Amino acid sequence: MVETFIWCVGCFVAAGWLRASDGSCSNAVAERAMRINHTEPEIYLVMASNYFSSAQLHMAEQLATQGLPLASNNYSVRRSLQQLLLEIRTKLP
C-alpha cells in the first residue's frame, strides 16, 4: 500500500514536469500530488518553476521557500530550489 502511494505521487510529479509547458495544467497535477503528499519537495519545485515562468514571482518565491526545508535529504532538488530562489529574488522589485 505504501509503495503504491509513493509511486502514485511520483507519477503526479513526473506528469507535472512533462506538462511544464502548460503551466496551469502542470500546476493542477502538482496540486493533486501535494494533496496526496505535501512533504515531497519536488512538488514545490514544479509549482514554483511554473509560477516563475508565468511571472508570478511572489507565489513562486513562497512555494520555493516552503519546499527548501523539505529537501534537506535530496541534494539535487535542494540545489534546484536554491537556484530558483536566486533567480526569483533577482527579478523581484
Protein backbone atom coordinates (compact mmCIF):
# COMPACT_ATOMS: atom_id res chain seq x y z
CA MET A 1 0.00 0.00 0.00
CA VAL A 2 2.75 2.48 0.94
CA GLU A 3 4.71 1.59 -2.20
CA THR A 4 1.63 2.29 -4.33
CA PHE A 5 1.13 5.61 -2.57
CA ILE A 6 4.75 6.68 -3.21
CA TRP A 7 4.56 5.51 -6.82
CA CYS A 8 1.34 7.49 -7.34
CA VAL A 9 2.94 10.73 -6.05
CA GLY A 10 5.95 10.08 -8.29
CA CYS A 11 3.63 9.73 -11.28
CA PHE A 12 1.96 13.05 -10.47
CA VAL A 13 5.34 14.78 -10.13
CA ALA A 14 6.54 13.31 -13.42
CA ALA A 15 3.32 14.39 -15.12
CA GLY A 16 3.84 17.88 -13.72
CA TRP A 17 7.29 18.08 -15.29
CA LEU A 18 6.03 16.66 -18.59
CA ARG A 19 3.29 19.30 -18.77
CA ALA A 20 5.52 22.19 -17.70
CA SER A 21 4.89 23.98 -20.98
CA ASP A 22 1.25 24.30 -19.94
CA GLY A 23 1.67 25.92 -16.52
CA SER A 24 -1.96 25.75 -15.43
CA CYS A 25 -2.26 22.06 -16.27
CA SER A 26 1.09 21.29 -14.68
CA ASN A 27 0.10 23.13 -11.51
CA ALA A 28 -3.21 21.27 -11.38
CA VAL A 29 -1.33 17.97 -11.50
CA ALA A 30 1.19 19.20 -8.89
CA GLU A 31 -1.61 20.42 -6.61
CA ARG A 32 -3.16 16.97 -6.77
CA ALA A 33 0.19 15.45 -5.82
CA MET A 34 0.54 17.95 -2.99
CA ARG A 35 -2.83 16.88 -1.57
CA ILE A 36 -1.56 13.29 -1.53
CA ASN A 37 1.87 14.07 -0.06
CA HIS A 38 2.56 17.65 1.00
CA THR A 39 6.08 16.75 2.17
CA GLU A 40 7.50 15.96 -1.29
CA PRO A 41 9.91 18.83 -2.14
CA GLU A 42 9.87 18.20 -5.89
CA ILE A 43 6.19 19.15 -5.98
CA TYR A 44 7.12 22.58 -4.62
CA LEU A 45 9.87 22.83 -7.22
CA VAL A 46 7.47 22.04 -10.07
CA MET A 47 4.89 24.56 -8.86
CA ALA A 48 7.44 27.29 -8.09
CA SER A 49 9.01 26.82 -11.52
CA ASN A 50 5.63 27.15 -13.19
CA TYR A 51 4.75 30.30 -11.27
CA PHE A 52 8.19 31.73 -12.07
CA SER A 53 7.65 31.01 -15.77
CA SER A 54 4.34 32.83 -15.68
CA ALA A 55 5.91 35.83 -13.86
CA GLN A 56 4.01 35.23 -10.63
CA LEU A 57 7.16 35.88 -8.65
CA HIS A 58 5.73 36.22 -5.14
CA MET A 59 3.87 32.92 -5.39
CA ALA A 60 6.98 31.26 -6.87
CA GLU A 61 9.12 32.59 -4.02
CA GLN A 62 6.63 31.39 -1.41
CA LEU A 63 6.50 27.85 -2.81
CA ALA A 64 10.26 27.58 -3.31
CA THR A 65 10.82 28.79 0.26
CA GLN A 66 8.32 26.24 1.61
CA GLY A 67 9.95 23.41 -0.34
CA LEU A 68 13.51 24.16 0.72
CA PRO A 69 13.37 22.68 4.25
CA LEU A 70 11.61 19.60 2.87
CA ALA A 71 14.55 18.97 0.53
CA SER A 72 17.16 18.61 3.26
CA ASN A 73 17.84 14.97 2.26
CA ASN A 74 17.56 15.50 -1.50
CA TYR A 75 20.60 17.40 -2.74
CA SER A 76 19.52 17.86 -6.37
CA VAL A 77 16.05 19.21 -5.51
CA ARG A 78 17.51 21.40 -2.75
CA ARG A 79 20.07 22.82 -5.18
CA SER A 80 17.37 23.45 -7.81
CA LEU A 81 15.16 25.22 -5.27
CA GLN A 82 18.09 27.37 -4.13
CA GLN A 83 18.93 28.29 -7.73
CA LEU A 84 15.30 29.09 -8.48
CA LEU A 85 15.06 31.29 -5.37
CA LEU A 86 18.14 33.19 -6.54
CA GLU A 87 16.57 33.77 -9.95
CA ILE A 88 13.25 34.82 -8.41
CA ARG A 89 14.85 37.27 -5.98
CA THR A 90 16.91 38.92 -8.70
CA LYS A 91 13.69 39.64 -10.62
CA LEU A 92 11.62 40.85 -7.67
CA PRO A 93 11.28 44.63 -7.36
